[in-house]
């Protein structure tokens, strides 16, 4: 038995019992008819048939087609930089060491993803902590390049 939620009453047909439902000429109960005399036992239980809603002639696209259209409409927008001081374009110091640190968790995450193991224990969490003026915003600005460099190794 399947459960139906949000069914429109106009799409329901109620039959007095299984015999009437299975009968080729069996008719559903009248819309305003009383059901009190019917369904006195499990053997004579009412049968409710839910008709699929009528299509309005509009073609419904598959979920894959809808997803493809959505992805085609999305556009990458480069995020605004967090660091806008005079040194924002200076060479980033410590990049090779940071790339080395990022490689191991990135590889672990990729391997888990490749095995379809998306458990939370396989997600890398990169934290940037430090006091004022220590380069947190600059590190986050450089993160895309750092992760790309780690992935390329």
Protein backbone atom coordinates (compact mmCIF):
# COMPACT_ATOMS: atom_id res chain seq x y z
CA UNK A 1 0.00 0.00 0.00
CA UNK A 2 1.39 3.40 -0.94
CA UNK A 3 0.81 6.58 0.99
CA UNK A 4 -0.32 9.62 -0.96
CA UNK A 5 0.11 13.11 0.42
CA UNK A 6 -1.20 16.38 -0.96
CA UNK A 7 -3.73 14.59 -3.18
CA UNK A 8 -6.37 16.81 -4.74
CA UNK A 9 -9.89 15.61 -3.87
CA UNK A 10 -10.88 16.08 -7.51
CA UNK A 11 -8.38 13.35 -8.42
CA UNK A 12 -9.79 10.74 -6.02
CA UNK A 13 -12.11 7.87 -6.94
CA UNK A 14 -13.62 5.91 -4.05
CA UNK A 15 -14.95 2.37 -4.62
CA UNK A 16 -17.21 0.48 -2.19
CA UNK A 17 -14.87 -2.54 -2.02
CA UNK A 18 -12.29 -4.60 -3.92
CA UNK A 19 -14.94 -6.48 -5.94
CA UNK A 20 -16.45 -3.25 -7.29
CA UNK A 21 -12.98 -1.86 -7.99
CA UNK A 22 -11.94 -4.99 -9.93
CA UNK A 23 -15.24 -5.20 -11.84
CA UNK A 24 -14.84 -3.99 -15.41
CA UNK A 25 -18.10 -2.02 -15.10
CA UNK A 26 -17.58 -1.08 -11.44
CA UNK A 27 -18.44 2.52 -10.70
CA UNK A 28 -16.91 4.72 -8.01
CA UNK A 29 -19.17 6.08 -5.29
CA UNK A 30 -20.92 9.36 -5.94
CA UNK A 31 -18.97 12.42 -4.87
CA UNK A 32 -21.56 13.37 -2.25
CA UNK A 33 -22.51 9.77 -1.41
CA UNK A 34 -22.46 8.42 2.14
CA UNK A 35 -19.79 5.87 2.97
CA UNK A 36 -21.34 4.84 6.28
CA UNK A 37 -22.82 1.58 4.97
CA UNK A 38 -19.58 0.62 3.23
CA UNK A 39 -16.26 -0.52 4.66
CA UNK A 40 -17.74 -2.50 7.54
CA UNK A 41 -14.75 -4.86 7.60
CA UNK A 42 -11.27 -5.30 6.21
CA UNK A 43 -12.75 -7.59 3.58
CA UNK A 44 -15.12 -4.87 2.38
CA UNK A 45 -12.73 -1.95 2.86
CA UNK A 46 -13.10 1.13 0.71
CA UNK A 47 -10.67 1.40 -2.20
CA UNK A 48 -9.38 4.90 -2.95
CA UNK A 49 -7.73 5.43 -6.31
CA UNK A 50 -5.68 8.58 -6.85
CA UNK A 51 -5.73 9.73 -10.45
CA UNK A 52 -2.56 11.43 -11.70
CA UNK A 53 -3.09 15.16 -12.28
CA UNK A 54 -3.97 16.07 -15.83
CA UNK A 55 -1.11 17.59 -17.75
CA UNK A 56 -1.72 20.99 -19.21
CA UNK A 57 0.04 20.18 -22.47
CA UNK A 58 3.29 21.66 -21.22
CA UNK A 59 6.22 19.32 -21.69
CA UNK A 60 8.02 18.53 -18.45
CA UNK A 61 11.78 18.24 -18.79
CA UNK A 62 13.72 15.54 -17.03
CA UNK A 63 15.66 16.41 -13.91
CA UNK A 64 18.94 15.94 -15.80
CA UNK A 65 17.87 18.44 -18.47
CA UNK A 66 16.72 20.93 -15.82
CA UNK A 67 20.05 20.57 -14.00
CA UNK A 68 22.00 21.07 -17.22
CA UNK A 69 20.04 24.25 -17.98
CA UNK A 70 20.65 25.52 -14.45
CA UNK A 71 24.38 24.89 -14.73
CA UNK A 72 24.44 26.67 -18.10
CA UNK A 73 22.88 29.78 -16.53
CA UNK A 74 25.31 29.93 -13.60
CA UNK A 75 28.23 32.24 -14.08
CA UNK A 76 31.51 32.34 -12.14
CA UNK A 77 32.17 35.70 -10.59
CA UNK A 78 35.60 36.25 -9.12
CA UNK A 79 35.16 37.11 -5.44
CA UNK A 80 36.24 40.49 -4.14
CA UNK A 81 39.59 40.50 -2.42
CA UNK A 82 39.65 40.65 1.36
CA UNK A 83 42.98 42.46 1.42
CA UNK A 84 43.04 45.81 -0.35
CA UNK A 85 46.12 47.40 1.18
CA UNK A 86 49.15 48.62 -0.76
CA UNK A 87 50.84 45.21 -0.40
CA UNK A 88 48.04 43.16 -1.93
CA UNK A 89 50.05 42.47 -5.10
CA UNK A 90 53.41 41.76 -3.46
CA UNK A 91 54.74 38.23 -3.87
CA UNK A 92 53.11 35.98 -1.29
CA UNK A 93 55.71 34.80 1.22
CA UNK A 94 55.60 31.25 2.47
CA UNK A 95 53.57 29.88 -0.44
CA UNK A 96 55.74 26.77 -1.09
CA UNK A 97 55.60 25.73 2.58
CA UNK A 98 51.86 26.30 2.76
CA UNK A 99 51.30 24.33 -0.45
CA UNK A 100 53.21 21.43 1.13
CA UNK A 101 50.94 21.60 4.20
CA UNK A 102 47.77 21.69 2.07
CA UNK A 103 48.74 18.74 -0.15
CA UNK A 104 48.16 15.89 2.31
CA UNK A 105 44.57 16.79 3.38
CA UNK A 106 43.69 17.72 -0.22
CA UNK A 107 44.87 14.32 -1.49
CA UNK A 108 43.02 12.54 1.34
CA UNK A 109 39.83 14.45 0.50
CA UNK A 110 40.16 13.71 -3.23
CA UNK A 111 40.79 9.99 -2.66
CA UNK A 112 37.77 9.74 -0.36
CA UNK A 113 35.62 11.60 -2.90
CA UNK A 114 36.86 9.30 -5.68
CA UNK A 115 35.75 6.27 -3.59
CA UNK A 116 32.34 7.93 -3.00
CA UNK A 117 33.20 8.11 0.71
CA UNK A 118 31.84 11.53 1.60
CA UNK A 119 31.93 11.10 5.37
CA UNK A 120 32.57 14.29 7.33
CA UNK A 121 35.86 12.84 8.59
CA UNK A 122 37.22 13.10 5.05
CA UNK A 123 36.54 16.81 4.62
CA UNK A 124 39.53 19.07 5.06
CA UNK A 125 38.93 22.11 7.24
CA UNK A 126 41.46 24.83 6.57
CA UNK A 127 41.60 27.31 9.43
CA UNK A 128 43.40 30.64 9.27
CA UNK A 129 44.15 31.96 12.74
CA UNK A 130 46.33 34.80 13.95
CA UNK A 131 46.47 38.22 15.50
CA UNK A 132 45.89 41.56 13.82
CA UNK A 133 48.11 42.27 10.82
CA UNK A 134 49.49 38.73 10.50
CA UNK A 135 48.19 38.03 6.98
CA UNK A 136 44.93 36.13 7.49
CA UNK A 137 43.05 38.04 4.78
CA UNK A 138 45.97 37.81 2.37
CA UNK A 139 46.21 34.05 2.96
CA UNK A 140 42.52 33.66 2.17
CA UNK A 141 42.94 35.80 -0.96
CA UNK A 142 45.73 33.46 -2.08
CA UNK A 143 43.90 30.24 -1.08
CA UNK A 144 42.56 29.45 -4.57
CA UNK A 145 46.05 29.60 -6.04
CA UNK A 146 47.56 27.69 -3.12
CA UNK A 147 45.03 24.85 -3.42
CA UNK A 148 45.49 24.77 -7.21
CA UNK A 149 49.26 24.51 -6.74
CA UNK A 150 48.80 21.73 -4.16
CA UNK A 151 46.51 19.82 -6.53
CA UNK A 152 48.97 20.19 -9.42
CA UNK A 153 51.80 18.48 -7.46
